[in-house]
Amino acid sequence: MIGNKGISIWFFIGSLLLIYGVIITIANVVDVINPSTDKQLVLRELHFGVWWGILLLIVGLIYFIHFRPWKKK
């Protein structure tokens, strides 16, 4: 077992952020395309959900690529 490294926890965190980013972005893009009239949200036109999803995608992708277990050293 000498020299056998495990998978970094940051790889899994990056994977989760990537998955959450995809889910949040898709859900909010659908809401931008077809807005519901039930909700009265202040500053709705800024689309915070889309920006938050994109931020999670970017951060998750950075962690996913940087800590991937199959990279060559």
PDB file of N, CA and C in Angstrom:
ATOM      1  N   MET A   1       0.808  -1.194   0.000  1.00  0.00           N
ATOM      2  CA  MET A   1       0.000   0.000   0.000  1.00  0.00           C
ATOM      3  C   MET A   1       0.857   1.266   0.000  1.00  0.00           C
ATOM      4  N   ILE A   2       2.170   1.117  -0.020  1.00  0.00           N
ATOM      5  CA  ILE A   2       3.027   2.298  -0.040  1.00  0.00           C
ATOM      6  C   ILE A   2       2.905   2.971  -1.405  1.00  0.00           C
ATOM      7  N   GLY A   3       2.682   4.266  -1.390  1.00  0.00           N
ATOM      8  CA  GLY A   3       2.567   5.011  -2.637  1.00  0.00           C
ATOM      9  C   GLY A   3       1.168   5.006  -3.225  1.00  0.00           C
ATOM     10  N   ASN A   4       0.247   4.288  -2.625  1.00  0.00           N
ATOM     11  CA  ASN A   4      -1.123   4.253  -3.128  1.00  0.00           C
ATOM     12  C   ASN A   4      -1.898   5.386  -2.463  1.00  0.00           C
ATOM     13  N   LYS A   5      -2.195   6.413  -3.243  1.00  0.00           N
ATOM     14  CA  LYS A   5      -2.912   7.566  -2.696  1.00  0.00           C
ATOM     15  C   LYS A   5      -4.401   7.392  -2.931  1.00  0.00           C
ATOM     16  N   GLY A   6      -5.176   7.890  -1.999  1.00  0.00           N
ATOM     17  CA  GLY A   6      -6.620   7.862  -2.151  1.00  0.00           C
ATOM     18  C   GLY A   6      -7.094   9.037  -2.993  1.00  0.00           C
ATOM     19  N   ILE A   7      -8.383   9.091  -3.179  1.00  0.00           N
ATOM     20  CA  ILE A   7      -8.980  10.190  -3.930  1.00  0.00           C
ATOM     21  C   ILE A   7      -9.216  11.352  -2.973  1.00  0.00           C
ATOM     22  N   SER A   8      -8.837  12.532  -3.399  1.00  0.00           N
ATOM     23  CA  SER A   8      -8.957  13.727  -2.564  1.00  0.00           C
ATOM     24  C   SER A   8     -10.434  14.068  -2.327  1.00  0.00           C
ATOM     25  N   ILE A   9     -10.724  14.538  -1.130  1.00  0.00           N
ATOM     26  CA  ILE A   9     -12.076  14.960  -0.795  1.00  0.00           C
ATOM     27  C   ILE A   9     -12.491  16.150  -1.648  1.00  0.00           C
ATOM     28  N   TRP A  10     -11.524  16.956  -2.088  1.00  0.00           N
ATOM     29  CA  TRP A  10     -11.819  18.134  -2.905  1.00  0.00           C
ATOM     30  C   TRP A  10     -12.343  17.744  -4.278  1.00  0.00           C
ATOM     31  N   PHE A  11     -11.956  16.569  -4.756  1.00  0.00           N
ATOM     32  CA  PHE A  11     -12.517  16.074  -6.011  1.00  0.00           C
ATOM     33  C   PHE A  11     -14.021  15.822  -5.859  1.00  0.00           C
ATOM     34  N   PHE A  12     -14.411  15.232  -4.740  1.00  0.00           N
ATOM     35  CA  PHE A  12     -15.834  14.973  -4.491  1.00  0.00           C
ATOM     36  C   PHE A  12     -16.607  16.272  -4.252  1.00  0.00           C
ATOM     37  N   ILE A  13     -15.988  17.216  -3.569  1.00  0.00           N
ATOM     38  CA  ILE A  13     -16.636  18.513  -3.363  1.00  0.00           C
ATOM     39  C   ILE A  13     -16.823  19.217  -4.701  1.00  0.00           C
ATOM     40  N   GLY A  14     -15.815  19.168  -5.550  1.00  0.00           N
ATOM     41  CA  GLY A  14     -15.942  19.743  -6.885  1.00  0.00           C
ATOM     42  C   GLY A  14     -17.034  19.073  -7.697  1.00  0.00           C
ATOM     43  N   SER A  15     -17.139  17.747  -7.565  1.00  0.00           N
ATOM     44  CA  SER A  15     -18.198  17.017  -8.274  1.00  0.00           C
ATOM     45  C   SER A  15     -19.580  17.452  -7.799  1.00  0.00           C
ATOM     46  N   LEU A  16     -19.740  17.592  -6.489  1.00  0.00           N
ATOM     47  CA  LEU A  16     -21.026  18.032  -5.945  1.00  0.00           C
ATOM     48  C   LEU A  16     -21.366  19.454  -6.377  1.00  0.00           C
ATOM     49  N   LEU A  17     -20.389  20.341  -6.334  1.00  0.00           N
ATOM     50  CA  LEU A  17     -20.635  21.716  -6.772  1.00  0.00           C
ATOM     51  C   LEU A  17     -21.009  21.756  -8.248  1.00  0.00           C
ATOM     52  N   LEU A  18     -20.362  20.923  -9.035  1.00  0.00           N
ATOM     53  CA  LEU A  18     -20.675  20.844 -10.463  1.00  0.00           C
ATOM     54  C   LEU A  18     -22.102  20.368 -10.680  1.00  0.00           C
ATOM     55  N   ILE A  19     -22.504  19.330  -9.973  1.00  0.00           N
ATOM     56  CA  ILE A  19     -23.862  18.786 -10.108  1.00  0.00           C
ATOM     57  C   ILE A  19     -24.901  19.805  -9.631  1.00  0.00           C
ATOM     58  N   TYR A  20     -24.655  20.419  -8.467  1.00  0.00           N
ATOM     59  CA  TYR A  20     -25.588  21.430  -7.960  1.00  0.00           C
ATOM     60  C   TYR A  20     -25.668  22.628  -8.902  1.00  0.00           C
ATOM     61  N   GLY A  21     -24.534  23.015  -9.464  1.00  0.00           N
ATOM     62  CA  GLY A  21     -24.521  24.131 -10.402  1.00  0.00           C
ATOM     63  C   GLY A  21     -25.362  23.849 -11.632  1.00  0.00           C
ATOM     64  N   VAL A  22     -25.263  22.625 -12.148  1.00  0.00           N
ATOM     65  CA  VAL A  22     -26.083  22.243 -13.315  1.00  0.00           C
ATOM     66  C   VAL A  22     -27.564  22.283 -12.961  1.00  0.00           C
ATOM     67  N   ILE A  23     -27.920  21.715 -11.817  1.00  0.00           N
ATOM     68  CA  ILE A  23     -29.326  21.664 -11.408  1.00  0.00           C
ATOM     69  C   ILE A  23     -29.885  23.079 -11.194  1.00  0.00           C
ATOM     70  N   ILE A  24     -29.152  23.918 -10.462  1.00  0.00           N
ATOM     71  CA  ILE A  24     -29.629  25.273 -10.174  1.00  0.00           C
ATOM     72  C   ILE A  24     -29.717  26.105 -11.443  1.00  0.00           C
ATOM     73  N   THR A  25     -28.720  25.979 -12.312  1.00  0.00           N
ATOM     74  CA  THR A  25     -28.735  26.749 -13.554  1.00  0.00           C
ATOM     75  C   THR A  25     -29.907  26.352 -14.436  1.00  0.00           C
ATOM     76  N   ILE A  26     -30.114  25.057 -14.621  1.00  0.00           N
ATOM     77  CA  ILE A  26     -31.228  24.594 -15.468  1.00  0.00           C
ATOM     78  C   ILE A  26     -32.568  25.034 -14.887  1.00  0.00           C
ATOM     79  N   ALA A  27     -32.745  24.870 -13.587  1.00  0.00           N
ATOM     80  CA  ALA A  27     -34.015  25.241 -12.963  1.00  0.00           C
ATOM     81  C   ALA A  27     -34.299  26.733 -13.113  1.00  0.00           C
ATOM     82  N   ASN A  28     -33.284  27.553 -12.993  1.00  0.00           N
ATOM     83  CA  ASN A  28     -33.504  28.992 -13.077  1.00  0.00           C
ATOM     84  C   ASN A  28     -33.573  29.501 -14.503  1.00  0.00           C
ATOM     85  N   VAL A  29     -32.914  28.836 -15.442  1.00  0.00           N
ATOM     86  CA  VAL A  29     -33.062  29.218 -16.843  1.00  0.00           C
ATOM     87  C   VAL A  29     -34.487  28.917 -17.301  1.00  0.00           C
ATOM     88  N   VAL A  30     -35.035  27.795 -16.847  1.00  0.00           N
ATOM     89  CA  VAL A  30     -36.433  27.483 -17.157  1.00  0.00           C
ATOM     90  C   VAL A  30     -37.347  28.550 -16.576  1.00  0.00           C
ATOM     91  N   ASP A  31     -37.046  29.016 -15.381  1.00  0.00           N
ATOM     92  CA  ASP A  31     -37.859  30.070 -14.763  1.00  0.00           C
ATOM     93  C   ASP A  31     -37.709  31.406 -15.497  1.00  0.00           C
ATOM     94  N   VAL A  32     -36.543  31.663 -16.065  1.00  0.00           N
ATOM     95  CA  VAL A  32     -36.348  32.896 -16.843  1.00  0.00           C
ATOM     96  C   VAL A  32     -37.138  32.818 -18.143  1.00  0.00           C
ATOM     97  N   ILE A  33     -37.127  31.655 -18.781  1.00  0.00           N
ATOM     98  CA  ILE A  33     -37.841  31.479 -20.053  1.00  0.00           C
ATOM     99  C   ILE A  33     -39.347  31.524 -19.851  1.00  0.00           C
ATOM    100  N   ASN A  34     -39.818  30.860 -18.807  1.00  0.00           N
ATOM    101  CA  ASN A  34     -41.252  30.772 -18.546  1.00  0.00           C
ATOM    102  C   ASN A  34     -41.519  31.211 -17.102  1.00  0.00           C
ATOM    103  N   PRO A  35     -41.525  32.522 -16.824  1.00  0.00           N
ATOM    104  CA  PRO A  35     -41.675  32.978 -15.433  1.00  0.00           C
ATOM    105  C   PRO A  35     -43.079  32.714 -14.896  1.00  0.00           C
ATOM    106  N   SER A  36     -43.117  32.332 -13.633  1.00  0.00           N
ATOM    107  CA  SER A  36     -44.412  32.141 -12.989  1.00  0.00           C
ATOM    108  C   SER A  36     -44.917  33.488 -12.482  1.00  0.00           C
ATOM    109  N   THR A  37     -46.206  33.650 -12.497  1.00  0.00           N
ATOM    110  CA  THR A  37     -46.802  34.913 -12.044  1.00  0.00           C
ATOM    111  C   THR A  37     -47.229  34.845 -10.583  1.00  0.00           C
ATOM    112  N   ASP A  38     -47.058  33.706  -9.946  1.00  0.00           N
ATOM    113  CA  ASP A  38     -47.469  33.544  -8.553  1.00  0.00           C
ATOM    114  C   ASP A  38     -46.564  34.308  -7.600  1.00  0.00           C
ATOM    115  N   LYS A  39     -45.306  34.369  -7.909  1.00  0.00           N
ATOM    116  CA  LYS A  39     -44.336  34.949  -6.986  1.00  0.00           C
ATOM    117  C   LYS A  39     -44.132  36.436  -7.264  1.00  0.00           C
ATOM    118  N   GLN A  40     -44.040  37.200  -6.216  1.00  0.00           N
ATOM    119  CA  GLN A  40     -43.684  38.608  -6.312  1.00  0.00           C
ATOM    120  C   GLN A  40     -42.291  38.756  -5.710  1.00  0.00           C
ATOM    121  N   LEU A  41     -41.263  38.589  -6.515  1.00  0.00           N
ATOM    122  CA  LEU A  41     -39.898  38.678  -6.032  1.00  0.00           C
ATOM    123  C   LEU A  41     -39.301  40.031  -6.364  1.00  0.00           C
ATOM    124  N   VAL A  42     -38.639  40.602  -5.369  1.00  0.00           N
ATOM    125  CA  VAL A  42     -37.959  41.864  -5.569  1.00  0.00           C
ATOM    126  C   VAL A  42     -36.683  41.595  -6.367  1.00  0.00           C
ATOM    127  N   LEU A  43     -36.374  42.428  -7.320  1.00  0.00           N
ATOM    128  CA  LEU A  43     -35.182  42.327  -8.164  1.00  0.00           C
ATOM    129  C   LEU A  43     -35.149  41.029  -8.974  1.00  0.00           C
ATOM    130  N   ARG A  44     -36.300  40.567  -9.398  1.00  0.00           N
ATOM    131  CA  ARG A  44     -36.393  39.342 -10.180  1.00  0.00           C
ATOM    132  C   ARG A  44     -35.618  39.448 -11.495  1.00  0.00           C
ATOM    133  N   GLU A  45     -35.539  40.659 -12.044  1.00  0.00           N
ATOM    134  CA  GLU A  45     -34.908  40.839 -13.346  1.00  0.00           C
ATOM    135  C   GLU A  45     -33.392  40.626 -13.308  1.00  0.00           C
ATOM    136  N   LEU A  46     -32.788  40.513 -12.111  1.00  0.00           N
ATOM    137  CA  LEU A  46     -31.352  40.257 -12.011  1.00  0.00           C
ATOM    138  C   LEU A  46     -31.004  38.778 -12.139  1.00  0.00           C
ATOM    139  N   HIS A  47     -31.981  37.908 -11.958  1.00  0.00           N
ATOM    140  CA  HIS A  47     -31.823  36.452 -12.135  1.00  0.00           C
ATOM    141  C   HIS A  47     -30.662  35.902 -11.300  1.00  0.00           C
ATOM    142  N   PHE A  48     -30.756  36.079  -9.986  1.00  0.00           N
ATOM    143  CA  PHE A  48     -29.703  35.620  -9.088  1.00  0.00           C
ATOM    144  C   PHE A  48     -29.484  34.113  -9.158  1.00  0.00           C
ATOM    145  N   GLY A  49     -30.538  33.349  -9.388  1.00  0.00           N
ATOM    146  CA  GLY A  49     -30.398  31.898  -9.465  1.00  0.00           C
ATOM    147  C   GLY A  49     -29.515  31.454 -10.614  1.00  0.00           C
ATOM    148  N   VAL A  50     -29.634  32.122 -11.737  1.00  0.00           N
ATOM    149  CA  VAL A  50     -28.794  31.784 -12.890  1.00  0.00           C
ATOM    150  C   VAL A  50     -27.335  32.106 -12.583  1.00  0.00           C
ATOM    151  N   TRP A  51     -27.098  33.279 -12.002  1.00  0.00           N
ATOM    152  CA  TRP A  51     -25.720  33.659 -11.671  1.00  0.00           C
ATOM    153  C   TRP A  51     -25.126  32.744 -10.607  1.00  0.00           C
ATOM    154  N   TRP A  52     -25.920  32.366  -9.625  1.00  0.00           N
ATOM    155  CA  TRP A  52     -25.446  31.465  -8.572  1.00  0.00           C
ATOM    156  C   TRP A  52     -25.125  30.092  -9.160  1.00  0.00           C
ATOM    157  N   GLY A  53     -25.954  29.603 -10.057  1.00  0.00           N
ATOM    158  CA  GLY A  53     -25.690  28.322 -10.707  1.00  0.00           C
ATOM    159  C   GLY A  53     -24.423  28.353 -11.544  1.00  0.00           C
ATOM    160  N   ILE A  54     -24.208  29.447 -12.268  1.00  0.00           N
ATOM    161  CA  ILE A  54     -22.996  29.580 -13.077  1.00  0.00           C
ATOM    162  C   ILE A  54     -21.757  29.645 -12.181  1.00  0.00           C
ATOM    163  N   LEU A  55     -21.857  30.354 -11.053  1.00  0.00           N
ATOM    164  CA  LEU A  55     -20.736  30.419 -10.109  1.00  0.00           C
ATOM    165  C   LEU A  55     -20.400  29.031  -9.568  1.00  0.00           C
ATOM    166  N   LEU A  56     -21.416  28.265  -9.190  1.00  0.00           N
ATOM    167  CA  LEU A  56     -21.178  26.904  -8.708  1.00  0.00           C
ATOM    168  C   LEU A  56     -20.565  26.028  -9.794  1.00  0.00           C
ATOM    169  N   LEU A  57     -21.022  26.191 -11.026  1.00  0.00           N
ATOM    170  CA  LEU A  57     -20.442  25.440 -12.143  1.00  0.00           C
ATOM    171  C   LEU A  57     -18.953  25.743 -12.305  1.00  0.00           C
ATOM    172  N   ILE A  58     -18.597  27.005 -12.260  1.00  0.00           N
ATOM    173  CA  ILE A  58     -17.199  27.400 -12.460  1.00  0.00           C
ATOM    174  C   ILE A  58     -16.316  26.889 -11.326  1.00  0.00           C
ATOM    175  N   VAL A  59     -16.746  27.110 -10.092  1.00  0.00           N
ATOM    176  CA  VAL A  59     -15.949  26.664  -8.939  1.00  0.00           C
ATOM    177  C   VAL A  59     -15.855  25.139  -8.917  1.00  0.00           C
ATOM    178  N   GLY A  60     -16.961  24.464  -9.180  1.00  0.00           N
ATOM    179  CA  GLY A  60     -16.948  23.003  -9.222  1.00  0.00           C
ATOM    180  C   GLY A  60     -16.047  22.468 -10.315  1.00  0.00           C
ATOM    181  N   LEU A  61     -16.051  23.105 -11.476  1.00  0.00           N
ATOM    182  CA  LEU A  61     -15.197  22.673 -12.574  1.00  0.00           C
ATOM    183  C   LEU A  61     -13.724  22.883 -12.237  1.00  0.00           C
ATOM    184  N   ILE A  62     -13.403  23.971 -11.565  1.00  0.00           N
ATOM    185  CA  ILE A  62     -12.011  24.214 -11.154  1.00  0.00           C
ATOM    186  C   ILE A  62     -11.543  23.121 -10.196  1.00  0.00           C
ATOM    187  N   TYR A  63     -12.343  22.828  -9.171  1.00  0.00           N
ATOM    188  CA  TYR A  63     -11.980  21.771  -8.226  1.00  0.00           C
ATOM    189  C   TYR A  63     -11.933  20.407  -8.901  1.00  0.00           C
ATOM    190  N   PHE A  64     -12.898  20.138  -9.765  1.00  0.00           N
ATOM    191  CA  PHE A  64     -12.976  18.848 -10.443  1.00  0.00           C
ATOM    192  C   PHE A  64     -11.732  18.611 -11.299  1.00  0.00           C
ATOM    193  N   ILE A  65     -11.295  19.618 -12.020  1.00  0.00           N
ATOM    194  CA  ILE A  65     -10.130  19.463 -12.894  1.00  0.00           C
ATOM    195  C   ILE A  65      -8.829  19.442 -12.093  1.00  0.00           C
ATOM    196  N   HIS A  66      -8.722  20.324 -11.110  1.00  0.00           N
ATOM    197  CA  HIS A  66      -7.470  20.425 -10.356  1.00  0.00           C
ATOM    198  C   HIS A  66      -7.194  19.188  -9.508  1.00  0.00           C
ATOM    199  N   PHE A  67      -8.215  18.590  -8.919  1.00  0.00           N
ATOM    200  CA  PHE A  67      -8.028  17.456  -8.008  1.00  0.00           C
ATOM    201  C   PHE A  67      -8.440  16.121  -8.613  1.00  0.00           C
ATOM    202  N   ARG A  68      -8.545  16.029  -9.941  1.00  0.00           N
ATOM    203  CA  ARG A  68      -8.955  14.768 -10.566  1.00  0.00           C
ATOM    204  C   ARG A  68      -7.923  13.681 -10.269  1.00  0.00           C
ATOM    205  N   PRO A  69      -8.379  12.482  -9.963  1.00  0.00           N
ATOM    206  CA  PRO A  69      -7.438  11.417  -9.555  1.00  0.00           C
ATOM    207  C   PRO A  69      -6.661  10.819 -10.725  1.00  0.00           C
ATOM    208  N   TRP A  70      -7.079  11.020 -11.951  1.00  0.00           N
ATOM    209  CA  TRP A  70      -6.423  10.398 -13.093  1.00  0.00           C
ATOM    210  C   TRP A  70      -5.409  11.316 -13.777  1.00  0.00           C
ATOM    211  N   LYS A  71      -5.109  12.462 -13.207  1.00  0.00           N
ATOM    212  CA  LYS A  71      -4.164  13.388 -13.860  1.00  0.00           C
ATOM    213  C   LYS A  71      -2.750  12.860 -13.743  1.00  0.00           C
ATOM    214  N   LYS A  72      -1.941  13.214 -14.732  1.00  0.00           N
ATOM    215  CA  LYS A  72      -0.537  12.829 -14.728  1.00  0.00           C
ATOM    216  C   LYS A  72       0.251  13.873 -13.949  1.00  0.00           C
ATOM    217  N   LYS A  73       1.196  13.421 -13.190  1.00  0.00           N
ATOM    218  CA  LYS A  73       1.945  14.334 -12.327  1.00  0.00           C
ATOM    219  C   LYS A  73       3.238  14.737 -12.953  1.00  0.00           C
TER     220      LYS A  73
END
